[in-house]
Structure formats: C-alpha cells, structure tokens
C-alpha cells in the first residue's frame, strides 16, 4: 500500500512539474514550424536547405578535378618527359663541332739606325691585316652512337609511363569522387525519411504528453515516446552531418564550390 502511494505521489509531482513547464501556444507553434514538408529547418544549422539541395553533374566534378594539385603535378612530369624526349631525338647533333673566328687590325713599327758615317735617322712602317677561319669537325663516340636509338626509346617509355601514372591517379580520384557523390545522393534520400520519422515522433511526443496530462497515458508511455523521438532526431542530425562533411570533401577534391558560396551569401545576408 505504501509503495502505491509513493508511485502515485511521484506521478502527481511529475505532472505538476510538467504543467508548470507547459509551453504556451506560441512555443508549440514555434516547435512545429521547425518541420517543413517533412524536413527540419536546417538553415539554422549550416545554411543549407537540403530539401532543395542538388549536386553539380558528376561530369563537371570530374572535369574540375583535373585542376587539383596532385593531377597538375603529374601533368607537369609528363610534359617534362616529353621535353627530354625531344632532346634525345636531337642528341646526334652532339657529334658535330663547328667553329669560326675572324680578326682585323693595323700593325705598325718604328726603328732608328746610325753608324760612324751616317747620322741618326728614324723610319716607320705599318700595314693593315685581317684574318678569318671557319671549320668543322666530327667526333663520334661509338658507344653513344650505338645507344642513340635506345636512349630515344627509353625516354619515349618514360613519357608513356608518366601519362599512365597520371591516368591511374586520375581514375583513383574519380573513384573517390564517385563514391562520395553516390553516398551524398543516398543520404539525401535517407535524410528525407529520417526527417519524416523524427517529425512523426515529435508529433507523437506532443500528443502523448497531452494525453499524459489528461491521465490517458502513463509516465512510461511518455518516456518511451520521448526516447524514440530523441533517437530519431539524433539519426537525422547524424545523416545531415555526414552529408555536410562529404560535400566539403567533394569541394576540396574537385575544386568546385558547392556549398561555400551559399554559406558566404547567407552569412553576408545575416550580417546585414
């Protein structure tokens, strides 16, 4: 008998506390306004309304991904290999040597002479001269000559290797982009279901709370519904957080602004 009185007293105390904290009509309307066509109002979380959100075409993301630093670095390596191939094709020119020189100038001299019978006298002479020389030589190393074609072929393989390496890296990047793209697409669908589920449990919670106040439901019924509501809201927020994270990763991997511009515009609007 005493245990029943304690339980009854606890229920009455809980009911009184909930009555004291009962939201007014305005707060109820505010809570219900957070549900828009089955979606919670996500603009207060990250500035994106995922009920209207659409990803750019996958082909656009692939094309923009070519400008990522990792792919550009591999492209530079391929271009460098092509330059070295062109150099190897001209390596035979190193067998030849050509030289030329030219000189021009005036030459003059002054001298004096005397003897016992001849007084001292001085005479000078000068002349203009020019000189030029043109020549060529060939110096062929047999080992170098023998390996000339091999060097060209090896460098051609380096060009092909650099091109294949770039394609492999780009294919791996596209696979990652496609994986995230599909995950976002699926999560957007799952987000709608999770939002509708959370909205339903929120409505059920409000109804059970009202029924509890009218002594039509037990405290256990209310606690169960609140627990389900909390789990549903957490599931919704978890999916939404995963979508936001994946979109930012997609922006980084493809150099494509997807939500960055939207966030900036919303922040600017809120600042004004």
Protein backbone atom coordinates (compact mmCIF):
# COMPACT_ATOMS: atom_id res chain seq x y z
CA UNK A 1 0.00 0.00 0.00
CA UNK A 2 2.82 2.40 0.89
CA UNK A 3 4.58 1.62 -2.44
CA UNK A 4 1.43 2.51 -4.40
CA UNK A 5 1.18 5.81 -2.51
CA UNK A 6 4.81 6.62 -3.35
CA UNK A 7 4.26 5.88 -7.06
CA UNK A 8 1.08 7.97 -7.11
CA UNK A 9 2.82 10.84 -5.34
CA UNK A 10 5.70 10.68 -7.86
CA UNK A 11 3.32 10.77 -10.81
CA UNK A 12 1.45 13.76 -9.32
CA UNK A 13 4.73 15.60 -8.70
CA UNK A 14 5.92 14.94 -12.24
CA UNK A 15 2.62 16.04 -13.67
CA UNK A 16 2.75 19.27 -11.63
CA UNK A 17 6.28 19.97 -12.82
CA UNK A 18 5.37 19.37 -16.43
CA UNK A 19 2.29 21.54 -16.01
CA UNK A 20 4.47 24.34 -14.69
CA UNK A 21 6.79 23.95 -17.66
CA UNK A 22 3.98 23.54 -20.20
CA UNK A 23 4.79 25.57 -23.31
CA UNK A 24 2.32 28.13 -24.48
CA UNK A 25 0.70 28.06 -27.88
CA UNK A 26 3.39 30.29 -29.32
CA UNK A 27 6.22 27.91 -28.35
CA UNK A 28 4.25 24.93 -29.68
CA UNK A 29 3.77 26.68 -32.99
CA UNK A 30 7.49 27.54 -33.00
CA UNK A 31 8.42 23.91 -32.40
CA UNK A 32 6.11 22.71 -35.14
CA UNK A 33 7.39 25.34 -37.53
CA UNK A 34 10.74 23.55 -37.47
CA UNK A 35 9.16 20.89 -39.66
CA UNK A 36 8.83 21.95 -43.29
CA UNK A 37 7.34 19.41 -45.67
CA UNK A 38 8.76 16.58 -43.57
CA UNK A 39 12.15 18.29 -43.10
CA UNK A 40 13.50 20.09 -40.07
CA UNK A 41 14.61 23.62 -40.76
CA UNK A 42 18.29 23.04 -41.48
CA UNK A 43 19.10 26.66 -42.28
CA UNK A 44 19.83 27.30 -38.62
CA UNK A 45 22.49 24.56 -38.65
CA UNK A 46 24.70 25.09 -41.69
CA UNK A 47 22.85 27.47 -44.01
CA UNK A 48 21.76 24.75 -46.43
CA UNK A 49 18.21 23.62 -47.11
CA UNK A 50 18.81 20.01 -48.04
CA UNK A 51 15.21 19.54 -49.13
CA UNK A 52 16.07 21.65 -52.22
CA UNK A 53 19.77 20.79 -52.49
CA UNK A 54 21.18 19.36 -55.73
CA UNK A 55 24.72 18.28 -56.52
CA UNK A 56 26.50 19.50 -59.67
CA UNK A 57 26.68 16.96 -62.53
CA UNK A 58 29.26 14.25 -61.97
CA UNK A 59 30.95 15.07 -65.30
CA UNK A 60 31.51 18.65 -64.13
CA UNK A 61 33.15 17.44 -60.94
CA UNK A 62 35.42 15.09 -62.91
CA UNK A 63 36.47 17.89 -65.25
CA UNK A 64 37.18 20.31 -62.41
CA UNK A 65 39.19 17.64 -60.58
CA UNK A 66 41.84 17.87 -63.31
CA UNK A 67 42.95 21.18 -61.78
CA UNK A 68 43.78 19.64 -58.40
CA UNK A 69 47.47 19.98 -57.41
CA UNK A 70 48.16 16.23 -57.45
CA UNK A 71 46.90 15.84 -61.03
CA UNK A 72 48.61 19.02 -62.21
CA UNK A 73 51.92 17.80 -60.75
CA UNK A 74 51.67 14.56 -62.71
CA UNK A 75 50.82 16.53 -65.85
CA UNK A 76 53.97 18.64 -65.36
CA UNK A 77 56.03 15.48 -65.03
CA UNK A 78 54.56 14.19 -68.29
CA UNK A 79 55.39 17.44 -70.05
CA UNK A 80 58.94 17.31 -68.70
CA UNK A 81 59.33 13.77 -70.02
CA UNK A 82 58.19 14.96 -73.47
CA UNK A 83 60.78 17.75 -73.43
CA UNK A 84 63.52 15.26 -72.58
CA UNK A 85 62.33 13.02 -75.42
CA UNK A 86 62.71 15.89 -77.87
CA UNK A 87 66.22 16.47 -76.54
CA UNK A 88 67.17 12.80 -77.00
CA UNK A 89 65.94 12.90 -80.59
CA UNK A 90 68.41 15.73 -81.28
CA UNK A 91 71.28 14.07 -79.42
CA UNK A 92 73.05 13.18 -82.70
CA UNK A 93 73.86 16.87 -83.16
CA UNK A 94 76.37 16.49 -80.33
CA UNK A 95 78.63 14.56 -82.73
CA UNK A 96 79.35 17.70 -84.77
CA UNK A 97 81.53 20.66 -83.86
CA UNK A 98 81.60 23.91 -85.86
CA UNK A 99 83.99 26.76 -85.16
CA UNK A 100 84.70 30.13 -86.75
CA UNK A 101 86.81 33.16 -85.88
CA UNK A 102 87.76 36.47 -87.51
CA UNK A 103 90.36 39.12 -86.64
CA UNK A 104 91.18 42.53 -88.04
CA UNK A 105 93.77 45.21 -87.11
CA UNK A 106 96.64 47.58 -88.03
CA UNK A 107 100.30 46.73 -87.41
CA UNK A 108 102.98 49.46 -87.22
CA UNK A 109 106.69 49.60 -86.27
CA UNK A 110 109.31 52.34 -85.72
CA UNK A 111 113.09 51.88 -85.85
CA UNK A 112 116.23 54.03 -85.75
CA UNK A 113 119.68 53.42 -87.22
CA UNK A 114 123.13 55.15 -87.29
CA UNK A 115 126.79 54.39 -87.80
CA UNK A 116 130.10 56.29 -87.93
CA UNK A 117 129.47 57.81 -91.30
CA UNK A 118 125.68 58.07 -91.15
CA UNK A 119 123.84 60.36 -88.79
CA UNK A 120 120.98 59.03 -86.66
CA UNK A 121 117.78 58.54 -88.60
CA UNK A 122 114.33 57.07 -87.85
CA UNK A 123 111.90 55.27 -90.10
CA UNK A 124 108.39 53.82 -89.51
CA UNK A 125 106.29 51.24 -91.32
CA UNK A 126 102.72 49.94 -90.93
CA UNK A 127 100.20 47.71 -92.60
CA UNK A 128 96.53 46.64 -92.24
CA UNK A 129 95.59 42.97 -91.90
CA UNK A 130 92.57 40.76 -91.36
CA UNK A 131 92.23 37.07 -90.64
CA UNK A 132 89.32 34.62 -90.63
CA UNK A 133 88.96 30.93 -90.14
CA UNK A 134 85.94 28.61 -90.47
CA UNK A 135 85.96 24.91 -89.79
CA UNK A 136 84.01 21.90 -88.66
CA UNK A 137 84.79 18.58 -87.05
CA UNK A 138 83.02 15.35 -86.29
CA UNK A 139 83.61 13.42 -83.10
CA UNK A 140 81.56 10.27 -82.77
CA UNK A 141 81.65 8.05 -79.71
CA UNK A 142 80.83 4.53 -80.79
CA UNK A 143 79.07 3.65 -77.56
CA UNK A 144 76.99 6.82 -77.70
CA UNK A 145 76.18 6.24 -81.35
CA UNK A 146 75.20 2.63 -80.69
CA UNK A 147 72.91 3.62 -77.80
CA UNK A 148 71.34 6.60 -79.54
CA UNK A 149 68.17 4.74 -80.57
CA UNK A 150 67.92 3.05 -77.17
CA UNK A 151 68.02 6.39 -75.38
CA UNK A 152 65.17 7.68 -77.52
CA UNK A 153 63.10 4.54 -76.88
CA UNK A 154 63.74 4.66 -73.14
CA UNK A 155 62.69 8.28 -72.97
CA UNK A 156 59.59 7.52 -75.02
CA UNK A 157 58.70 4.88 -72.44
CA UNK A 158 59.18 7.50 -69.71
CA UNK A 159 56.65 9.71 -71.47
CA UNK A 160 54.19 6.83 -71.67
CA UNK A 161 54.83 5.92 -68.04
CA UNK A 162 54.17 9.49 -66.91
CA UNK A 163 50.94 9.58 -68.93
CA UNK A 164 49.77 6.24 -67.49
CA UNK A 165 50.69 7.32 -63.98
CA UNK A 166 48.57 10.42 -64.41
CA UNK A 167 45.63 8.38 -65.71
CA UNK A 168 45.89 5.93 -62.83
CA UNK A 169 45.91 8.75 -60.27
CA UNK A 170 43.01 10.46 -62.01
CA UNK A 171 40.98 7.23 -62.12
CA UNK A 172 41.57 6.72 -58.40
CA UNK A 173 40.47 10.30 -57.74
CA UNK A 174 37.35 9.80 -59.87
CA UNK A 175 36.51 6.64 -57.93
CA UNK A 176 36.71 8.55 -54.65
CA UNK A 177 34.60 11.37 -56.08
CA UNK A 178 32.01 8.93 -57.40
CA UNK A 179 31.86 7.11 -54.05
CA UNK A 180 31.25 10.33 -52.14
CA UNK A 181 28.79 11.51 -54.80
CA UNK A 182 26.68 8.34 -54.51
CA UNK A 183 26.87 8.45 -50.72
CA UNK A 184 25.61 12.03 -50.66
CA UNK A 185 22.81 11.17 -53.08
CA UNK A 186 21.71 8.20 -50.97
CA UNK A 187 22.00 10.17 -47.75
CA UNK A 188 19.80 12.94 -49.16
CA UNK A 189 17.10 10.34 -49.69
CA UNK A 190 17.73 8.84 -46.25
CA UNK A 191 17.64 12.34 -44.75
CA UNK A 192 14.10 12.84 -46.00
CA UNK A 193 12.98 9.56 -44.43
CA UNK A 194 14.82 10.36 -41.19
CA UNK A 195 13.27 13.84 -41.08
CA UNK A 196 9.78 12.49 -41.61
CA UNK A 197 10.42 9.83 -38.95
CA UNK A 198 11.71 12.42 -36.47
CA UNK A 199 8.79 14.73 -37.26
CA UNK A 200 6.34 11.87 -36.65
CA UNK A 201 7.90 11.04 -33.29
CA UNK A 202 7.94 14.69 -32.33
CA UNK A 203 4.23 14.88 -33.07
CA UNK A 204 3.67 11.63 -31.19
CA UNK A 205 5.60 13.04 -28.25
CA UNK A 206 3.41 16.14 -28.13
CA UNK A 207 0.27 14.04 -28.34
CA UNK A 208 1.46 11.59 -25.65
CA UNK A 209 2.39 14.49 -23.42
CA UNK A 210 -1.11 15.91 -23.80
CA UNK A 211 -2.64 12.50 -23.15
CA UNK A 212 -0.47 12.13 -20.04
CA UNK A 213 -1.73 15.44 -18.75
CA UNK A 214 -5.25 14.20 -19.30
CA UNK A 215 -4.44 10.98 -17.42
CA UNK A 216 -4.86 8.98 -20.64
CA UNK A 217 -1.22 7.76 -20.80
CA UNK A 218 1.32 6.59 -18.27
CA UNK A 219 4.67 8.12 -17.50
CA UNK A 220 6.29 5.08 -19.10
CA UNK A 221 4.41 5.74 -22.35
CA UNK A 222 5.68 9.31 -22.36
CA UNK A 223 9.25 8.26 -21.57
CA UNK A 224 9.22 5.67 -24.37
CA UNK A 225 7.96 8.14 -26.95
CA UNK A 226 10.49 10.77 -25.86
CA UNK A 227 13.29 8.23 -26.16
CA UNK A 228 12.16 7.26 -29.67
CA UNK A 229 11.90 10.93 -30.56
CA UNK A 230 15.41 11.63 -29.31
CA UNK A 231 16.83 8.67 -31.25
CA UNK A 232 15.04 9.78 -34.41
CA UNK A 233 16.35 13.35 -34.11
CA UNK A 234 19.89 12.11 -33.49
CA UNK A 235 19.68 9.85 -36.55
CA UNK A 236 18.52 12.81 -38.65
CA UNK A 237 21.31 15.06 -37.38
CA UNK A 238 23.91 12.32 -37.93
CA UNK A 239 22.89 11.90 -41.58
CA UNK A 240 22.85 15.66 -42.08
CA UNK A 241 26.32 15.99 -40.58
CA UNK A 242 27.64 13.23 -42.86
CA UNK A 243 26.18 15.00 -45.89
CA UNK A 244 27.82 18.30 -44.93
CA UNK A 245 31.18 16.60 -44.36
CA UNK A 246 31.03 14.75 -47.68
CA UNK A 247 30.09 17.90 -49.60
CA UNK A 248 33.08 19.78 -48.16
CA UNK A 249 35.35 16.83 -49.07
CA UNK A 250 33.90 16.92 -52.57
CA UNK A 251 34.69 20.63 -52.82
CA UNK A 252 38.31 20.02 -51.81
CA UNK A 253 38.79 17.05 -54.14
CA UNK A 254 37.22 18.74 -57.19
CA UNK A 255 37.98 22.44 -56.61
CA UNK A 256 34.27 23.06 -57.14
CA UNK A 257 32.34 25.46 -54.86
CA UNK A 258 29.15 23.62 -53.87
CA UNK A 259 28.03 24.99 -50.52
CA UNK A 260 30.81 27.52 -49.91
CA UNK A 261 29.10 30.23 -51.96
CA UNK A 262 25.76 29.50 -50.31
CA UNK A 263 27.26 29.76 -46.84
CA UNK A 264 29.03 33.01 -47.71
CA UNK A 265 25.86 34.54 -49.11
CA UNK A 266 23.85 33.51 -46.06
CA UNK A 267 26.47 34.87 -43.68
CA UNK A 268 26.57 38.15 -45.60
CA UNK A 269 22.78 38.34 -45.52
CA UNK A 270 22.70 37.65 -41.78
CA UNK A 271 25.36 40.28 -41.18
CA UNK A 272 23.30 42.89 -42.99
